[in-house]
N, C-alpha and C. Protein backbone atom coordinates (compact mmCIF):
# COMPACT_ATOMS: atom_id res chain seq x y z
N MET A 1 -109.63 -33.88 87.85
CA MET A 1 -109.21 -35.56 87.47
C MET A 1 -108.03 -35.22 86.07
N LYS A 2 -108.95 -34.08 85.14
CA LYS A 2 -108.31 -34.16 84.24
C LYS A 2 -106.84 -33.56 84.23
N LYS A 3 -106.95 -32.67 84.92
CA LYS A 3 -106.05 -31.99 85.40
C LYS A 3 -104.61 -32.97 85.73
N VAL A 4 -104.69 -33.74 86.82
CA VAL A 4 -103.99 -34.74 87.35
C VAL A 4 -103.54 -35.88 86.31
N ILE A 5 -104.44 -36.07 85.42
CA ILE A 5 -104.32 -37.07 84.40
C ILE A 5 -103.55 -36.51 83.23
N LEU A 6 -103.41 -35.14 83.35
CA LEU A 6 -102.76 -34.53 81.97
C LEU A 6 -100.91 -34.10 82.23
N SER A 7 -101.19 -33.83 84.09
CA SER A 7 -100.02 -33.41 84.66
C SER A 7 -99.17 -34.54 84.55
N ILE A 8 -99.66 -36.43 84.74
CA ILE A 8 -98.90 -37.46 84.93
C ILE A 8 -98.57 -37.47 83.73
N GLY A 9 -99.58 -37.32 82.52
CA GLY A 9 -98.82 -37.92 81.18
C GLY A 9 -97.88 -36.64 80.55
N LEU A 10 -97.94 -35.04 80.76
CA LEU A 10 -96.49 -34.43 80.78
C LEU A 10 -95.67 -34.72 81.09
N ILE A 11 -95.90 -35.31 82.95
CA ILE A 11 -94.38 -35.67 83.04
C ILE A 11 -93.57 -36.81 82.34
N LEU A 12 -94.49 -37.66 82.14
CA LEU A 12 -94.16 -39.01 81.66
C LEU A 12 -93.19 -38.58 80.47
N CYS A 13 -94.46 -37.67 79.29
CA CYS A 13 -93.54 -37.58 78.15
C CYS A 13 -92.15 -36.79 78.80
N VAL A 14 -92.08 -36.01 79.77
CA VAL A 14 -90.55 -35.31 79.70
C VAL A 14 -89.61 -36.18 80.47
N ALA A 15 -90.06 -37.21 81.12
CA ALA A 15 -89.27 -38.10 81.50
C ALA A 15 -88.64 -39.14 80.82
N VAL A 16 -89.55 -39.60 79.47
CA VAL A 16 -89.01 -40.13 78.30
C VAL A 16 -88.59 -39.47 77.84
N GLY A 17 -88.40 -37.81 77.59
CA GLY A 17 -87.86 -37.51 76.27
C GLY A 17 -86.17 -37.34 76.87
N VAL A 18 -86.36 -36.95 77.93
CA VAL A 18 -85.05 -36.69 79.12
C VAL A 18 -83.97 -38.41 79.01
N ASN A 19 -84.68 -38.84 79.21
CA ASN A 19 -84.28 -40.00 78.77
C ASN A 19 -83.44 -40.99 77.41
N ALA A 20 -84.05 -40.24 76.16
CA ALA A 20 -84.04 -40.82 75.42
C ALA A 20 -82.70 -39.77 74.20
N GLN A 21 -81.91 -38.79 75.16
CA GLN A 21 -81.21 -38.14 74.76
C GLN A 21 -79.90 -38.92 74.82
N GLU A 22 -79.16 -38.88 73.63
CA GLU A 22 -77.98 -39.60 73.41
C GLU A 22 -76.65 -39.21 74.12
N THR A 23 -76.12 -39.12 75.02
CA THR A 23 -75.17 -39.24 75.70
C THR A 23 -74.02 -39.75 75.21
N THR A 24 -72.81 -38.82 74.83
CA THR A 24 -71.54 -39.02 73.93
C THR A 24 -70.40 -39.08 74.90
N THR A 25 -69.36 -39.52 74.90
CA THR A 25 -68.27 -39.59 75.81
C THR A 25 -67.58 -40.21 74.29
N SER A 26 -66.48 -38.78 74.72
CA SER A 26 -65.16 -38.84 73.76
C SER A 26 -63.57 -39.39 74.51
N ASN A 27 -63.14 -40.21 73.99
CA ASN A 27 -62.00 -40.36 74.76
C ASN A 27 -60.78 -39.61 74.50
N PRO A 28 -60.24 -39.17 75.29
CA PRO A 28 -58.91 -38.44 75.41
C PRO A 28 -58.11 -38.50 74.10
N VAL A 29 -57.83 -37.42 73.94
CA VAL A 29 -56.06 -38.06 72.56
C VAL A 29 -55.05 -37.99 73.17
N ASN A 30 -54.52 -38.88 72.92
CA ASN A 30 -53.19 -38.64 74.08
C ASN A 30 -52.11 -38.19 72.97
N PRO A 31 -51.63 -36.75 73.46
CA PRO A 31 -50.89 -36.10 72.31
C PRO A 31 -49.13 -37.25 71.98
N ASN A 32 -48.93 -38.29 73.07
CA ASN A 32 -47.96 -38.64 73.42
C ASN A 32 -47.30 -40.18 72.52
N ALA A 33 -49.23 -40.58 72.23
CA ALA A 33 -49.48 -41.73 71.64
C ALA A 33 -48.42 -42.41 70.49
N PRO A 34 -48.02 -43.35 70.55
CA PRO A 34 -47.40 -43.87 68.97
C PRO A 34 -47.80 -43.57 68.08
N LYS A 35 -47.34 -43.61 66.75
CA LYS A 35 -47.71 -43.25 65.33
C LYS A 35 -47.23 -43.79 64.70
N PHE A 36 -47.67 -44.50 63.76
CA PHE A 36 -47.29 -45.20 61.93
C PHE A 36 -46.82 -43.99 60.98
N LYS A 37 -45.90 -43.61 60.61
CA LYS A 37 -45.21 -43.40 59.51
C LYS A 37 -44.89 -44.10 58.42
N PHE A 38 -45.70 -44.91 57.47
CA PHE A 38 -45.13 -45.75 56.22
C PHE A 38 -44.67 -44.80 55.23
N GLU A 39 -43.38 -45.47 54.59
CA GLU A 39 -42.54 -45.23 53.66
C GLU A 39 -43.77 -45.05 52.51
N VAL A 40 -44.71 -46.33 52.07
CA VAL A 40 -45.90 -46.80 51.48
C VAL A 40 -46.70 -47.69 51.99
N GLU A 41 -47.80 -46.74 51.78
CA GLU A 41 -49.70 -47.58 52.62
C GLU A 41 -49.72 -48.33 51.49
N THR A 42 -49.54 -48.44 50.54
CA THR A 42 -49.86 -48.96 49.28
C THR A 42 -48.96 -49.99 47.97
N MET A 43 -48.64 -50.77 48.56
CA MET A 43 -47.55 -51.64 47.48
C MET A 43 -47.85 -51.83 45.91
N ASP A 44 -47.30 -51.57 45.09
CA ASP A 44 -48.16 -52.09 44.20
C ASP A 44 -46.68 -52.91 43.20
N TYR A 45 -47.48 -54.16 43.19
CA TYR A 45 -46.28 -55.68 42.40
C TYR A 45 -45.95 -54.99 41.39
N GLY A 46 -47.04 -54.28 40.40
CA GLY A 46 -46.91 -54.05 38.87
C GLY A 46 -47.33 -55.73 38.24
N THR A 47 -47.08 -56.09 37.34
CA THR A 47 -47.49 -57.45 36.90
C THR A 47 -46.36 -58.16 37.04
N ILE A 48 -46.42 -59.17 37.17
CA ILE A 48 -45.33 -60.37 37.60
C ILE A 48 -45.92 -61.67 37.05
N GLU A 49 -45.02 -62.69 37.43
CA GLU A 49 -45.21 -63.86 36.56
C GLU A 49 -45.99 -64.78 37.50
N HIS A 50 -46.94 -65.69 36.86
CA HIS A 50 -47.04 -66.76 37.91
C HIS A 50 -46.54 -67.35 38.90
N ASN A 51 -46.67 -67.39 39.92
CA ASN A 51 -45.54 -68.52 40.90
C ASN A 51 -44.52 -67.75 41.30
N ALA A 52 -44.45 -66.22 40.95
CA ALA A 52 -43.23 -65.34 41.15
C ALA A 52 -43.40 -65.18 43.07
N ASN A 53 -41.81 -64.43 43.26
CA ASN A 53 -41.42 -64.36 44.35
C ASN A 53 -42.52 -63.29 45.34
N GLY A 54 -43.70 -63.36 45.95
CA GLY A 54 -44.45 -62.81 46.46
C GLY A 54 -44.24 -62.08 47.50
N ASP A 55 -43.16 -61.97 47.81
CA ASP A 55 -42.73 -61.38 49.60
C ASP A 55 -42.34 -59.75 48.89
N ARG A 56 -43.18 -59.03 49.90
CA ARG A 56 -42.69 -57.33 50.11
C ARG A 56 -42.26 -56.80 51.41
N GLU A 57 -42.01 -55.59 51.56
CA GLU A 57 -42.01 -55.25 52.88
C GLU A 57 -42.16 -53.46 53.49
N PHE A 58 -42.69 -53.56 54.46
CA PHE A 58 -43.31 -52.26 53.95
C PHE A 58 -42.48 -51.80 55.47
N LYS A 59 -41.90 -50.53 55.47
CA LYS A 59 -41.33 -50.33 56.30
C LYS A 59 -41.95 -49.00 56.95
N PHE A 60 -41.85 -48.63 58.31
CA PHE A 60 -42.08 -47.97 58.61
C PHE A 60 -41.76 -47.02 60.26
N THR A 61 -41.79 -45.92 60.16
CA THR A 61 -41.54 -45.54 61.77
C THR A 61 -42.03 -44.99 62.92
N ASN A 62 -41.77 -45.06 63.88
CA ASN A 62 -42.98 -44.99 65.24
C ASN A 62 -42.31 -43.32 65.43
N VAL A 63 -43.30 -42.32 64.70
CA VAL A 63 -43.06 -41.00 65.14
C VAL A 63 -43.56 -40.62 66.26
N GLY A 64 -44.56 -41.31 66.97
CA GLY A 64 -44.88 -40.84 67.94
C GLY A 64 -43.89 -40.60 69.54
N LYS A 65 -44.59 -41.07 70.83
CA LYS A 65 -43.29 -40.58 72.05
C LYS A 65 -43.48 -41.24 72.67
N GLU A 66 -44.42 -42.47 72.54
CA GLU A 66 -44.56 -43.62 73.39
C GLU A 66 -43.99 -45.05 72.62
N PRO A 67 -43.90 -46.05 73.16
CA PRO A 67 -43.28 -47.02 72.63
C PRO A 67 -44.48 -47.82 72.01
N LEU A 68 -44.27 -48.03 70.50
CA LEU A 68 -45.51 -48.47 69.38
C LEU A 68 -45.60 -49.93 69.41
N ILE A 69 -46.50 -51.25 70.05
CA ILE A 69 -46.73 -52.03 69.89
C ILE A 69 -48.00 -52.50 69.07
N ILE A 70 -47.57 -53.56 67.92
CA ILE A 70 -48.72 -53.96 67.00
C ILE A 70 -49.08 -55.47 67.76
N SER A 71 -49.88 -55.46 68.14
CA SER A 71 -50.79 -56.45 68.71
C SER A 71 -51.27 -58.04 67.84
N ASN A 72 -51.86 -57.52 66.72
CA ASN A 72 -52.02 -58.38 65.58
C ASN A 72 -52.34 -57.39 64.21
N ALA A 73 -52.08 -58.28 63.32
CA ALA A 73 -51.60 -58.24 61.78
C ALA A 73 -52.40 -59.07 61.05
N VAL A 74 -53.65 -58.62 60.14
CA VAL A 74 -54.46 -60.19 59.25
C VAL A 74 -54.71 -60.21 58.31
N GLY A 75 -54.60 -60.30 57.19
CA GLY A 75 -54.57 -60.41 55.72
C GLY A 75 -56.26 -60.67 55.50
N SER A 76 -56.33 -59.87 54.75
CA SER A 76 -57.93 -59.63 53.84
C SER A 76 -58.12 -61.25 53.79
N CYS A 77 -57.39 -61.92 53.29
CA CYS A 77 -57.55 -63.95 52.49
C CYS A 77 -56.59 -64.52 53.06
N GLY A 78 -56.58 -65.59 52.71
CA GLY A 78 -55.35 -66.48 53.48
C GLY A 78 -54.88 -66.54 52.34
N CYS A 79 -54.48 -65.97 51.16
CA CYS A 79 -53.37 -65.90 50.08
C CYS A 79 -52.67 -64.39 50.67
N THR A 80 -52.86 -64.01 51.59
CA THR A 80 -51.94 -62.42 52.42
C THR A 80 -51.31 -63.16 53.48
N THR A 81 -50.04 -63.24 53.73
CA THR A 81 -49.78 -63.69 54.74
C THR A 81 -48.68 -62.51 55.55
N PRO A 82 -48.99 -61.67 56.61
CA PRO A 82 -48.36 -60.86 57.25
C PRO A 82 -47.27 -61.18 58.63
N VAL A 83 -46.03 -60.77 58.41
CA VAL A 83 -45.12 -61.13 59.58
C VAL A 83 -44.78 -59.46 60.17
N TRP A 84 -45.04 -59.20 61.27
CA TRP A 84 -44.70 -58.59 61.49
C TRP A 84 -44.21 -58.36 62.95
N PRO A 85 -42.99 -57.02 63.97
CA PRO A 85 -42.45 -57.17 64.30
C PRO A 85 -43.24 -57.55 66.09
N LYS A 86 -42.63 -58.15 67.12
CA LYS A 86 -43.65 -58.42 68.34
C LYS A 86 -43.15 -57.69 69.58
N GLU A 87 -41.84 -57.19 69.35
CA GLU A 87 -41.46 -56.33 69.97
C GLU A 87 -41.71 -54.55 70.22
N PRO A 88 -41.74 -53.97 70.84
CA PRO A 88 -42.19 -52.76 71.44
C PRO A 88 -41.15 -51.94 70.05
N ILE A 89 -41.79 -50.68 69.32
CA ILE A 89 -40.95 -50.21 68.50
C ILE A 89 -40.92 -48.69 69.13
N LYS A 90 -39.38 -48.72 69.24
CA LYS A 90 -39.10 -47.35 70.28
C LYS A 90 -39.57 -45.87 69.28
N PRO A 91 -39.96 -44.69 70.15
CA PRO A 91 -40.06 -43.43 69.16
C PRO A 91 -38.86 -43.22 68.31
N GLY A 92 -38.90 -42.94 67.63
CA GLY A 92 -38.02 -42.38 66.34
C GLY A 92 -37.42 -43.95 65.47
N ALA A 93 -37.90 -45.06 66.14
CA ALA A 93 -36.96 -46.19 65.39
C ALA A 93 -38.06 -46.89 64.24
N SER A 94 -37.61 -47.32 63.42
CA SER A 94 -37.75 -47.82 62.47
C SER A 94 -38.22 -49.45 62.48
N ALA A 95 -38.76 -50.09 61.63
CA ALA A 95 -39.17 -51.59 61.55
C ALA A 95 -39.80 -51.82 60.03
N ILE A 96 -40.29 -52.90 60.24
CA ILE A 96 -40.44 -53.84 58.62
C ILE A 96 -41.64 -54.50 59.13
N ILE A 97 -42.93 -54.69 58.27
CA ILE A 97 -43.62 -55.34 58.44
C ILE A 97 -43.66 -56.35 57.02
N LYS A 98 -43.58 -57.48 57.42
CA LYS A 98 -43.10 -58.53 55.80
C LYS A 98 -44.86 -58.97 55.55
N VAL A 99 -44.98 -58.93 54.23
CA VAL A 99 -46.10 -59.39 53.65
C VAL A 99 -46.20 -60.72 52.64
N HIS A 100 -46.73 -61.60 52.33
CA HIS A 100 -46.40 -62.61 51.35
C HIS A 100 -47.43 -62.27 50.20
N TYR A 101 -47.38 -62.93 49.18
CA TYR A 101 -48.78 -63.13 48.63
C TYR A 101 -48.50 -63.90 47.46
N ALA A 102 -49.49 -64.97 47.83
CA ALA A 102 -49.61 -66.20 46.98
C ALA A 102 -49.75 -66.27 45.39
N THR A 103 -48.42 -66.04 44.62
CA THR A 103 -48.37 -65.56 43.18
C THR A 103 -49.52 -66.87 42.98
N ASP A 104 -49.83 -68.04 42.79
CA ASP A 104 -50.33 -69.06 42.39
C ASP A 104 -52.10 -68.87 41.90
N ARG A 105 -52.34 -67.50 42.02
CA ARG A 105 -53.48 -66.86 41.77
C ARG A 105 -53.50 -66.42 40.37
N VAL A 106 -53.78 -66.61 39.41
CA VAL A 106 -53.73 -65.59 38.15
C VAL A 106 -54.76 -64.25 38.18
N GLY A 107 -54.23 -63.20 38.00
CA GLY A 107 -54.94 -62.12 37.49
C GLY A 107 -55.13 -60.99 38.57
N GLN A 108 -55.68 -60.09 38.56
CA GLN A 108 -55.70 -58.96 39.20
C GLN A 108 -55.67 -58.66 40.67
N PHE A 109 -55.21 -58.40 41.09
CA PHE A 109 -55.77 -58.67 43.25
C PHE A 109 -55.38 -57.33 43.66
N GLU A 110 -55.90 -57.30 44.74
CA GLU A 110 -56.29 -55.90 45.85
C GLU A 110 -56.68 -56.59 47.04
N LYS A 111 -55.54 -56.91 48.13
CA LYS A 111 -55.88 -57.24 49.32
C LYS A 111 -55.39 -56.07 50.00
N THR A 112 -55.85 -56.75 51.38
CA THR A 112 -55.12 -55.55 52.80
C THR A 112 -54.81 -56.05 53.74
N ILE A 113 -54.09 -55.40 54.52
CA ILE A 113 -53.39 -56.25 55.88
C ILE A 113 -53.86 -55.26 56.89
N THR A 114 -54.76 -55.44 57.98
CA THR A 114 -54.95 -54.98 58.75
C THR A 114 -54.64 -54.93 59.85
N LEU A 115 -53.73 -53.79 60.56
CA LEU A 115 -52.85 -53.89 62.04
C LEU A 115 -53.84 -53.15 62.98
N THR A 116 -53.30 -53.99 64.45
CA THR A 116 -53.57 -53.34 65.65
C THR A 116 -52.94 -53.15 66.59
N SER A 117 -52.71 -51.62 66.90
CA SER A 117 -52.01 -51.58 67.54
C SER A 117 -52.41 -50.56 68.71
N ASN A 118 -51.38 -50.28 69.25
CA ASN A 118 -51.59 -49.20 70.53
C ASN A 118 -51.25 -47.72 69.97
N ALA A 119 -51.69 -47.45 68.91
CA ALA A 119 -51.07 -46.15 68.26
C ALA A 119 -51.90 -45.03 68.38
N ASP A 120 -52.37 -44.03 68.19
CA ASP A 120 -53.24 -43.27 67.81
C ASP A 120 -54.11 -43.18 66.98
N THR A 121 -54.30 -43.90 66.17
CA THR A 121 -55.10 -44.93 65.39
C THR A 121 -55.20 -46.21 65.50
N PRO A 122 -55.76 -46.55 66.44
CA PRO A 122 -55.13 -48.26 66.98
C PRO A 122 -55.52 -49.47 65.93
N SER A 123 -56.65 -49.24 64.90
CA SER A 123 -56.71 -49.81 63.42
C SER A 123 -55.89 -49.14 62.00
N LYS A 124 -54.99 -49.82 61.62
CA LYS A 124 -54.36 -49.12 60.78
C LYS A 124 -54.50 -50.28 59.36
N VAL A 125 -54.52 -50.19 58.01
CA VAL A 125 -55.03 -50.59 56.92
C VAL A 125 -53.76 -50.35 56.14
N ILE A 126 -52.63 -51.37 55.88
CA ILE A 126 -52.44 -51.01 54.36
C ILE A 126 -52.59 -51.74 53.21
N LYS A 127 -51.88 -51.61 52.17
CA LYS A 127 -52.61 -52.45 50.69
C LYS A 127 -51.53 -52.73 50.03
N ILE A 128 -51.65 -54.36 49.24
CA ILE A 128 -50.89 -54.76 48.35
C ILE A 128 -51.73 -54.72 46.73
N LYS A 129 -51.42 -54.38 45.79
CA LYS A 129 -52.29 -55.00 44.42
C LYS A 129 -51.46 -54.97 43.88
N GLY A 130 -51.63 -55.82 42.55
CA GLY A 130 -50.53 -55.61 40.98
C GLY A 130 -51.39 -56.58 40.21
N VAL A 131 -50.95 -57.76 39.55
CA VAL A 131 -51.02 -58.33 38.40
C VAL A 131 -50.46 -59.83 38.57
N VAL A 132 -51.35 -60.86 38.35
CA VAL A 132 -50.11 -62.01 38.38
C VAL A 132 -50.83 -62.60 36.80
N LYS A 133 -49.58 -62.49 35.94
CA LYS A 133 -49.74 -62.90 34.71
C LYS A 133 -49.88 -64.37 34.28
N PRO A 134 -50.64 -65.10 33.87
CA PRO A 134 -50.48 -66.61 33.36
C PRO A 134 -49.39 -66.77 32.42
N ASP A 135 -48.94 -67.84 32.59
CA ASP A 135 -47.83 -68.63 31.85
C ASP A 135 -48.11 -68.88 30.68
N ALA A 136 -47.18 -68.49 30.45
CA ALA A 136 -47.08 -68.48 28.53
C ALA A 136 -48.13 -70.05 27.95
N THR A 137 -49.11 -69.72 27.05
CA THR A 137 -49.67 -70.75 26.68
C THR A 137 -48.87 -71.46 25.56
N PRO A 138 -48.76 -72.45 25.89
CA PRO A 138 -47.64 -74.04 25.36
C PRO A 138 -48.55 -73.95 23.75
N ALA A 139 -47.87 -74.36 23.10
CA ALA A 139 -47.55 -74.42 21.71
C ALA A 139 -48.70 -75.20 20.96
N PRO A 140 -49.36 -75.27 20.43
CA PRO A 140 -50.61 -76.29 20.53
C PRO A 140 -49.58 -77.84 19.99
N ALA A 141 -50.49 -78.66 20.38
CA ALA A 141 -49.87 -80.32 19.99
C ALA A 141 -49.95 -80.69 18.54
N PRO A 142 -48.87 -81.41 17.93
CA PRO A 142 -49.16 -81.33 16.39
C PRO A 142 -50.57 -82.37 16.50
N THR A 143 -51.30 -82.09 15.41
CA THR A 143 -52.47 -83.09 15.08
C THR A 143 -51.93 -83.96 13.95
N THR A 144 -52.85 -85.14 14.11
CA THR A 144 -52.30 -86.38 13.43
C THR A 144 -53.67 -86.73 12.73
N THR A 145 -53.53 -87.01 11.34
CA THR A 145 -54.84 -86.94 11.00
C THR A 145 -54.80 -89.06 10.20
N THR A 146 -56.05 -89.04 11.19
CA THR A 146 -55.89 -91.09 10.64
C THR A 146 -56.88 -91.21 9.73
N VAL A 147 -56.54 -92.15 8.81
CA VAL A 147 -57.16 -92.17 7.77
C VAL A 147 -57.62 -93.24 7.54
N GLU A 148 -58.74 -93.98 7.44
CA GLU A 148 -59.58 -95.34 7.72
C GLU A 148 -59.45 -95.50 6.04
N PRO A 149 -58.90 -96.92 6.27
CA PRO A 149 -59.01 -98.12 4.97
C PRO A 149 -60.90 -98.10 4.65
N LYS A 150 -60.58 -98.30 3.11
CA LYS A 150 -61.86 -97.93 2.60
C LYS A 150 -62.18 -99.74 2.59
N HIS A 151 -63.57 -99.65 2.69
CA HIS A 151 -64.00 -101.43 2.70
C HIS A 151 -64.53 -101.45 1.34
């Protein structure tokens, strides 16, 4: 009886161990897949004036062998708005992603734009950074002194 219980216990341990093994499946890499090649992946605005023009353009080329389709582009906050080409970009062709940053916020900024596409890397992040300097401080208003009459 002990042998039967031990045998059942051993079988259960082996069965649980086999089921616990992790199986990995790898997606085959498409050597012809579209591929982004950006002229610049981080756009540095430098130091700009408060409420200055916050529009910039990221130029890229599809260096893959199939058409590149960008299905979405999302800024990391509401202050960063991307506009991307909706039509497929043919192999060897270039296109532009326009980015608007709302420069009504003063101070240093670093934002990302995440692109979703059919490229070899389906999620691609490009960045913008810079400093929006505050408006010049106006000169203080002249002070007036009020003299109270003595009673």
